[in-house]
C-alpha atoms as a PDB file:
ATOM      1  CA  UNK A   1     165.082 194.465 223.592  1.00  0.00           C
ATOM      2  CA  UNK A   2     165.964 190.862 222.867  1.00  0.00           C
ATOM      3  CA  UNK A   3     162.301 189.885 223.058  1.00  0.00           C
ATOM      4  CA  UNK A   4     161.487 192.461 220.389  1.00  0.00           C
ATOM      5  CA  UNK A   5     164.260 191.177 218.133  1.00  0.00           C
ATOM      6  CA  UNK A   6     163.042 187.615 218.554  1.00  0.00           C
ATOM      7  CA  UNK A   7     159.486 188.670 217.692  1.00  0.00           C
ATOM      8  CA  UNK A   8     160.736 190.462 214.577  1.00  0.00           C
ATOM      9  CA  UNK A   9     162.585 187.331 213.446  1.00  0.00           C
ATOM     10  CA  UNK A  10     159.428 185.276 214.017  1.00  0.00           C
ATOM     11  CA  UNK A  11     157.311 187.771 212.077  1.00  0.00           C
ATOM     12  CA  UNK A  12     159.741 187.810 209.169  1.00  0.00           C
ATOM     13  CA  UNK A  13     159.804 183.993 209.130  1.00  0.00           C
ATOM     14  CA  UNK A  14     156.011 183.895 209.162  1.00  0.00           C
ATOM     15  CA  UNK A  15     155.783 186.322 206.245  1.00  0.00           C
ATOM     16  CA  UNK A  16     158.322 184.266 204.302  1.00  0.00           C
ATOM     17  CA  UNK A  17     156.285 181.144 205.083  1.00  0.00           C
ATOM     18  CA  UNK A  18     153.213 182.840 203.618  1.00  0.00           C
ATOM     19  CA  UNK A  19     155.125 183.966 200.524  1.00  0.00           C
ATOM     20  CA  UNK A  20     156.794 180.634 199.698  1.00  0.00           C
ATOM     21  CA  UNK A  21     153.900 179.105 197.680  1.00  0.00           C
ATOM     22  CA  UNK A  22     153.833 182.128 195.381  1.00  0.00           C
ATOM     23  CA  UNK A  23     157.551 181.981 194.594  1.00  0.00           C
ATOM     24  CA  UNK A  24     156.947 178.885 192.472  1.00  0.00           C
ATOM     25  CA  UNK A  25     154.460 180.829 190.323  1.00  0.00           C
ATOM     26  CA  UNK A  26     157.072 183.201 188.866  1.00  0.00           C
ATOM     27  CA  UNK A  27     156.414 183.817 185.188  1.00  0.00           C
ATOM     28  CA  UNK A  28     158.503 186.825 184.217  1.00  0.00           C
ATOM     29  CA  UNK A  29     161.839 188.378 184.970  1.00  0.00           C
ATOM     30  CA  UNK A  30     160.104 191.222 186.783  1.00  0.00           C
ATOM     31  CA  UNK A  31     158.530 188.806 189.233  1.00  0.00           C
ATOM     32  CA  UNK A  32     161.917 187.094 189.678  1.00  0.00           C
ATOM     33  CA  UNK A  33     163.446 190.482 190.511  1.00  0.00           C
ATOM     34  CA  UNK A  34     160.645 191.157 192.992  1.00  0.00           C
ATOM     35  CA  UNK A  35     161.215 187.842 194.767  1.00  0.00           C
ATOM     36  CA  UNK A  36     164.967 188.355 194.817  1.00  0.00           C
ATOM     37  CA  UNK A  37     164.428 191.728 196.513  1.00  0.00           C
ATOM     38  CA  UNK A  38     161.908 190.166 198.909  1.00  0.00           C
ATOM     39  CA  UNK A  39     164.337 187.418 199.942  1.00  0.00           C
ATOM     40  CA  UNK A  40     167.201 189.937 200.226  1.00  0.00           C
ATOM     41  CA  UNK A  41     165.115 192.141 202.505  1.00  0.00           C
ATOM     42  CA  UNK A  42     164.141 189.072 204.547  1.00  0.00           C
ATOM     43  CA  UNK A  43     167.813 188.153 205.001  1.00  0.00           C
ATOM     44  CA  UNK A  44     168.644 191.739 205.966  1.00  0.00           C
ATOM     45  CA  UNK A  45     165.912 191.858 208.622  1.00  0.00           C
ATOM     46  CA  UNK A  46     166.754 188.436 210.040  1.00  0.00           C
ATOM     47  CA  UNK A  47     170.500 189.134 210.043  1.00  0.00           C
ATOM     48  CA  UNK A  48     170.116 192.452 211.839  1.00  0.00           C
ATOM     49  CA  UNK A  49     167.855 190.992 214.492  1.00  0.00           C
ATOM     50  CA  UNK A  50     170.051 187.930 214.992  1.00  0.00           C
ATOM     51  CA  UNK A  51     172.929 190.344 215.534  1.00  0.00           C
ATOM     52  CA  UNK A  52     170.905 191.930 218.321  1.00  0.00           C
ATOM     53  CA  UNK A  53     170.072 188.527 219.785  1.00  0.00           C
ATOM     54  CA  UNK A  54     173.680 187.359 219.954  1.00  0.00           C
ATOM     55  CA  UNK A  55     174.778 190.788 221.222  1.00  0.00           C
ATOM     56  CA  UNK A  56     177.097 191.871 218.417  1.00  0.00           C
ATOM     57  CA  UNK A  57     178.337 195.389 219.040  1.00  0.00           C
ATOM     58  CA  UNK A  58     180.525 197.785 217.130  1.00  0.00           C
ATOM     59  CA  UNK A  59     184.036 198.199 218.402  1.00  0.00           C
ATOM     60  CA  UNK A  60     184.798 201.570 219.872  1.00  0.00           C
ATOM     61  CA  UNK A  61     187.485 203.482 217.993  1.00  0.00           C
ATOM     62  CA  UNK A  62     190.930 203.265 219.558  1.00  0.00           C
ATOM     63  CA  UNK A  63     192.596 206.565 220.317  1.00  0.00           C
ATOM     64  CA  UNK A  64     196.035 207.191 218.897  1.00  0.00           C
ATOM     65  CA  UNK A  65     197.463 207.813 222.381  1.00  0.00           C
ATOM     66  CA  UNK A  66     196.319 204.377 223.584  1.00  0.00           C
ATOM     67  CA  UNK A  67     198.003 202.692 220.636  1.00  0.00           C
ATOM     68  CA  UNK A  68     201.293 204.487 221.300  1.00  0.00           C
ATOM     69  CA  UNK A  69     201.159 203.532 225.009  1.00  0.00           C
ATOM     70  CA  UNK A  70     200.691 199.883 224.121  1.00  0.00           C
ATOM     71  CA  UNK A  71     203.547 200.089 221.630  1.00  0.00           C
ATOM     72  CA  UNK A  72     205.828 201.682 224.243  1.00  0.00           C
ATOM     73  CA  UNK A  73     204.992 198.952 226.789  1.00  0.00           C
ATOM     74  CA  UNK A  74     205.899 196.228 224.312  1.00  0.00           C
ATOM     75  CA  UNK A  75     209.337 197.688 223.573  1.00  0.00           C
END
């Protein structure tokens, strides 16, 4: 799983490396919008896969009963 995430980050970086020379050739606002979307998508892909690499997980929801037990123990 982590190997796949690392390969996806490398692929995204390679595609950005290939696209960098063309970013300087922007001539219209439509091309600027395209490149902004391209860079945003790149950041989304890299961020998601880096989250997998550093093992970020969602917190499980806490049940109301567990919260009341902790509150009772404190008092």
